[in-house]
Amino acid sequence: MSIIWTIIIGFIAGVIAKFIMPGDNEPSGFILTSILGIVGAFVATYLGQALGWYRPGEGAGLIGAVVGAILVLLVYGLVAGGRRRTI
């Protein structure tokens, strides 16, 4: 059940992170934003468990998932921004 909960929280976190971090190099599609939010929630869960903030089997909360989604959006913006440059 924790994986399903992480996916739901990640979906919501992706939408919130997109509103917090709008930009030209950010994903513009709803599905891609949601997927990056879900990835961010899993990243936040993994880092939180590695740092001892969460117990094994416990997922990141909404705030942690939003922070994770923002980090993933930053990385995506850096990677996509490098590819979109034209001469």
N, C-alpha and C. Protein backbone atom coordinates (compact mmCIF):
# COMPACT_ATOMS: atom_id res chain seq x y z
N MET A 1 0.82 -1.19 0.00
CA MET A 1 0.00 0.00 0.00
C MET A 1 0.87 1.26 0.00
N SER A 2 2.08 1.19 0.52
CA SER A 2 2.91 2.39 0.59
C SER A 2 3.35 2.86 -0.79
N ILE A 3 3.52 1.94 -1.74
CA ILE A 3 3.89 2.34 -3.09
C ILE A 3 2.74 3.09 -3.76
N ILE A 4 1.54 2.63 -3.57
CA ILE A 4 0.37 3.31 -4.14
C ILE A 4 0.23 4.69 -3.52
N TRP A 5 0.44 4.78 -2.21
CA TRP A 5 0.35 6.07 -1.52
C TRP A 5 1.44 7.02 -2.02
N THR A 6 2.64 6.52 -2.26
CA THR A 6 3.73 7.35 -2.79
C THR A 6 3.39 7.86 -4.19
N ILE A 7 2.77 7.03 -5.01
CA ILE A 7 2.37 7.45 -6.35
C ILE A 7 1.31 8.55 -6.28
N ILE A 8 0.33 8.40 -5.40
CA ILE A 8 -0.72 9.41 -5.26
C ILE A 8 -0.13 10.73 -4.76
N ILE A 9 0.70 10.66 -3.72
CA ILE A 9 1.34 11.86 -3.19
C ILE A 9 2.26 12.48 -4.24
N GLY A 10 2.98 11.65 -4.99
CA GLY A 10 3.86 12.15 -6.04
C GLY A 10 3.10 12.87 -7.14
N PHE A 11 1.94 12.36 -7.49
CA PHE A 11 1.10 13.01 -8.49
C PHE A 11 0.73 14.41 -8.03
N ILE A 12 0.27 14.52 -6.82
CA ILE A 12 -0.11 15.82 -6.26
C ILE A 12 1.11 16.72 -6.12
N ALA A 13 2.23 16.15 -5.69
CA ALA A 13 3.46 16.93 -5.51
C ALA A 13 3.98 17.45 -6.84
N GLY A 14 3.84 16.69 -7.91
CA GLY A 14 4.28 17.15 -9.22
C GLY A 14 3.50 18.36 -9.69
N VAL A 15 2.21 18.36 -9.45
CA VAL A 15 1.38 19.49 -9.83
C VAL A 15 1.75 20.72 -9.00
N ILE A 16 1.94 20.53 -7.70
CA ILE A 16 2.32 21.64 -6.82
C ILE A 16 3.70 22.17 -7.20
N ALA A 17 4.65 21.28 -7.47
CA ALA A 17 6.00 21.71 -7.84
C ALA A 17 5.99 22.49 -9.14
N LYS A 18 5.13 22.11 -10.07
CA LYS A 18 5.03 22.84 -11.34
C LYS A 18 4.53 24.25 -11.10
N PHE A 19 3.59 24.42 -10.18
CA PHE A 19 3.11 25.76 -9.87
C PHE A 19 4.17 26.59 -9.14
N ILE A 20 4.99 25.93 -8.34
CA ILE A 20 6.06 26.63 -7.61
C ILE A 20 7.19 27.02 -8.56
N MET A 21 7.52 26.13 -9.50
CA MET A 21 8.66 26.34 -10.40
C MET A 21 8.25 26.39 -11.87
N PRO A 22 7.51 27.39 -12.29
CA PRO A 22 7.22 27.46 -13.72
C PRO A 22 8.47 27.95 -14.47
N GLY A 23 8.59 27.56 -15.71
CA GLY A 23 9.74 27.99 -16.49
C GLY A 23 9.69 27.48 -17.91
N ASP A 24 10.59 28.01 -18.74
CA ASP A 24 10.62 27.61 -20.14
C ASP A 24 11.15 26.20 -20.33
N ASN A 25 12.11 25.79 -19.53
CA ASN A 25 12.73 24.48 -19.70
C ASN A 25 12.04 23.38 -18.91
N GLU A 26 10.96 23.70 -18.28
CA GLU A 26 10.24 22.71 -17.49
C GLU A 26 9.24 21.96 -18.38
N PRO A 27 8.87 20.75 -18.00
CA PRO A 27 7.91 20.00 -18.81
C PRO A 27 6.57 20.72 -18.84
N SER A 28 5.98 20.80 -20.00
CA SER A 28 4.73 21.53 -20.12
C SER A 28 3.52 20.60 -20.10
N GLY A 29 3.71 19.34 -20.33
CA GLY A 29 2.60 18.41 -20.36
C GLY A 29 2.20 17.94 -18.98
N PHE A 30 0.91 17.72 -18.81
CA PHE A 30 0.38 17.28 -17.53
C PHE A 30 0.91 15.90 -17.15
N ILE A 31 1.00 15.01 -18.12
CA ILE A 31 1.46 13.64 -17.83
C ILE A 31 2.92 13.64 -17.44
N LEU A 32 3.75 14.36 -18.17
CA LEU A 32 5.18 14.41 -17.84
C LEU A 32 5.42 15.07 -16.48
N THR A 33 4.67 16.13 -16.18
CA THR A 33 4.78 16.77 -14.88
C THR A 33 4.38 15.80 -13.77
N SER A 34 3.33 15.04 -13.99
CA SER A 34 2.89 14.06 -13.00
C SER A 34 3.94 12.96 -12.80
N ILE A 35 4.51 12.49 -13.89
CA ILE A 35 5.53 11.44 -13.80
C ILE A 35 6.76 11.94 -13.04
N LEU A 36 7.18 13.17 -13.34
CA LEU A 36 8.33 13.72 -12.62
C LEU A 36 8.00 13.93 -11.14
N GLY A 37 6.77 14.26 -10.83
CA GLY A 37 6.36 14.37 -9.43
C GLY A 37 6.39 13.04 -8.71
N ILE A 38 5.95 11.99 -9.39
CA ILE A 38 6.00 10.64 -8.81
C ILE A 38 7.44 10.22 -8.59
N VAL A 39 8.30 10.50 -9.58
CA VAL A 39 9.73 10.18 -9.42
C VAL A 39 10.30 10.97 -8.25
N GLY A 40 9.91 12.23 -8.11
CA GLY A 40 10.36 13.05 -7.00
C GLY A 40 9.92 12.50 -5.65
N ALA A 41 8.72 11.96 -5.59
CA ALA A 41 8.24 11.36 -4.34
C ALA A 41 9.05 10.12 -3.99
N PHE A 42 9.40 9.32 -5.00
CA PHE A 42 10.24 8.15 -4.73
C PHE A 42 11.65 8.57 -4.32
N VAL A 43 12.17 9.63 -4.95
CA VAL A 43 13.49 10.14 -4.56
C VAL A 43 13.46 10.63 -3.12
N ALA A 44 12.42 11.39 -2.76
CA ALA A 44 12.30 11.89 -1.39
C ALA A 44 12.16 10.75 -0.39
N THR A 45 11.42 9.72 -0.76
CA THR A 45 11.27 8.56 0.13
C THR A 45 12.61 7.86 0.32
N TYR A 46 13.33 7.64 -0.78
CA TYR A 46 14.63 6.96 -0.70
C TYR A 46 15.61 7.77 0.13
N LEU A 47 15.73 9.06 -0.15
CA LEU A 47 16.67 9.90 0.60
C LEU A 47 16.28 10.02 2.06
N GLY A 48 14.98 10.14 2.31
CA GLY A 48 14.51 10.22 3.70
C GLY A 48 14.81 8.96 4.49
N GLN A 49 14.66 7.80 3.85
CA GLN A 49 14.99 6.54 4.53
C GLN A 49 16.49 6.40 4.71
N ALA A 50 17.27 6.85 3.72
CA ALA A 50 18.73 6.75 3.82
C ALA A 50 19.27 7.67 4.91
N LEU A 51 18.64 8.83 5.11
CA LEU A 51 19.09 9.77 6.13
C LEU A 51 18.48 9.49 7.50
N GLY A 52 17.55 8.56 7.57
CA GLY A 52 16.95 8.19 8.85
C GLY A 52 15.74 9.03 9.21
N TRP A 53 15.22 9.83 8.28
CA TRP A 53 14.05 10.64 8.57
C TRP A 53 12.78 9.80 8.54
N TYR A 54 12.78 8.76 7.72
CA TYR A 54 11.63 7.86 7.61
C TYR A 54 12.06 6.45 7.96
N ARG A 55 11.15 5.71 8.54
CA ARG A 55 11.42 4.30 8.85
C ARG A 55 11.31 3.48 7.57
N PRO A 56 11.92 2.29 7.55
CA PRO A 56 11.75 1.43 6.37
C PRO A 56 10.27 1.13 6.13
N GLY A 57 9.85 1.25 4.90
CA GLY A 57 8.45 1.03 4.56
C GLY A 57 7.59 2.27 4.68
N GLU A 58 8.13 3.34 5.24
CA GLU A 58 7.39 4.59 5.39
C GLU A 58 7.73 5.52 4.22
N GLY A 59 6.75 6.12 3.61
CA GLY A 59 6.97 7.00 2.47
C GLY A 59 7.08 8.45 2.88
N ALA A 60 7.54 9.25 1.96
CA ALA A 60 7.64 10.68 2.19
C ALA A 60 6.25 11.30 2.26
N GLY A 61 6.13 12.32 3.06
CA GLY A 61 4.88 13.06 3.14
C GLY A 61 4.77 14.03 1.98
N LEU A 62 3.74 14.84 2.01
CA LEU A 62 3.49 15.76 0.92
C LEU A 62 4.61 16.80 0.78
N ILE A 63 5.07 17.35 1.87
CA ILE A 63 6.12 18.36 1.80
C ILE A 63 7.42 17.75 1.28
N GLY A 64 7.78 16.60 1.78
CA GLY A 64 8.98 15.93 1.29
C GLY A 64 8.87 15.56 -0.18
N ALA A 65 7.70 15.14 -0.60
CA ALA A 65 7.49 14.79 -2.01
C ALA A 65 7.56 16.02 -2.90
N VAL A 66 7.05 17.16 -2.42
CA VAL A 66 7.14 18.39 -3.20
C VAL A 66 8.60 18.81 -3.35
N VAL A 67 9.37 18.71 -2.27
CA VAL A 67 10.80 19.04 -2.34
C VAL A 67 11.51 18.10 -3.31
N GLY A 68 11.20 16.81 -3.24
CA GLY A 68 11.78 15.84 -4.18
C GLY A 68 11.39 16.14 -5.61
N ALA A 69 10.14 16.52 -5.83
CA ALA A 69 9.67 16.84 -7.18
C ALA A 69 10.36 18.11 -7.70
N ILE A 70 10.59 19.08 -6.83
CA ILE A 70 11.30 20.29 -7.25
C ILE A 70 12.73 19.94 -7.64
N LEU A 71 13.37 19.06 -6.87
CA LEU A 71 14.73 18.63 -7.22
C LEU A 71 14.76 17.93 -8.58
N VAL A 72 13.80 17.06 -8.81
CA VAL A 72 13.74 16.35 -10.10
C VAL A 72 13.46 17.34 -11.23
N LEU A 73 12.59 18.32 -11.01
CA LEU A 73 12.32 19.33 -12.02
C LEU A 73 13.55 20.18 -12.31
N LEU A 74 14.33 20.49 -11.27
CA LEU A 74 15.58 21.23 -11.49
C LEU A 74 16.54 20.45 -12.37
N VAL A 75 16.70 19.17 -12.05
CA VAL A 75 17.60 18.32 -12.84
C VAL A 75 17.07 18.20 -14.26
N TYR A 76 15.78 18.02 -14.41
CA TYR A 76 15.19 17.93 -15.75
C TYR A 76 15.41 19.22 -16.52
N GLY A 77 15.25 20.36 -15.86
CA GLY A 77 15.47 21.64 -16.52
C GLY A 77 16.90 21.81 -16.98
N LEU A 78 17.85 21.33 -16.17
CA LEU A 78 19.25 21.43 -16.57
C LEU A 78 19.56 20.52 -17.75
N VAL A 79 19.03 19.32 -17.72
CA VAL A 79 19.29 18.36 -18.81
C VAL A 79 18.56 18.80 -20.08
N ALA A 80 17.30 19.14 -19.97
CA ALA A 80 16.52 19.55 -21.14
C ALA A 80 16.99 20.90 -21.65
N GLY A 81 17.42 21.77 -20.77
CA GLY A 81 17.90 23.07 -21.20
C GLY A 81 19.17 22.96 -22.02
N GLY A 82 20.02 22.00 -21.70
CA GLY A 82 21.23 21.80 -22.47
C GLY A 82 20.95 21.25 -23.84
N ARG A 83 19.90 20.46 -23.99
CA ARG A 83 19.56 19.85 -25.28
C ARG A 83 18.78 20.81 -26.18
N ARG A 84 18.07 21.76 -25.61
CA ARG A 84 17.21 22.63 -26.40
C ARG A 84 17.95 23.84 -26.97
N ARG A 85 19.17 24.06 -26.62
CA ARG A 85 19.90 25.21 -27.14
C ARG A 85 20.18 25.03 -28.61
N THR A 86 19.96 26.08 -29.34
CA THR A 86 20.24 26.05 -30.78
C THR A 86 21.25 27.15 -31.12
N ILE A 87 21.97 26.92 -32.17
CA ILE A 87 22.99 27.90 -32.58
C ILE A 87 22.45 28.78 -33.67
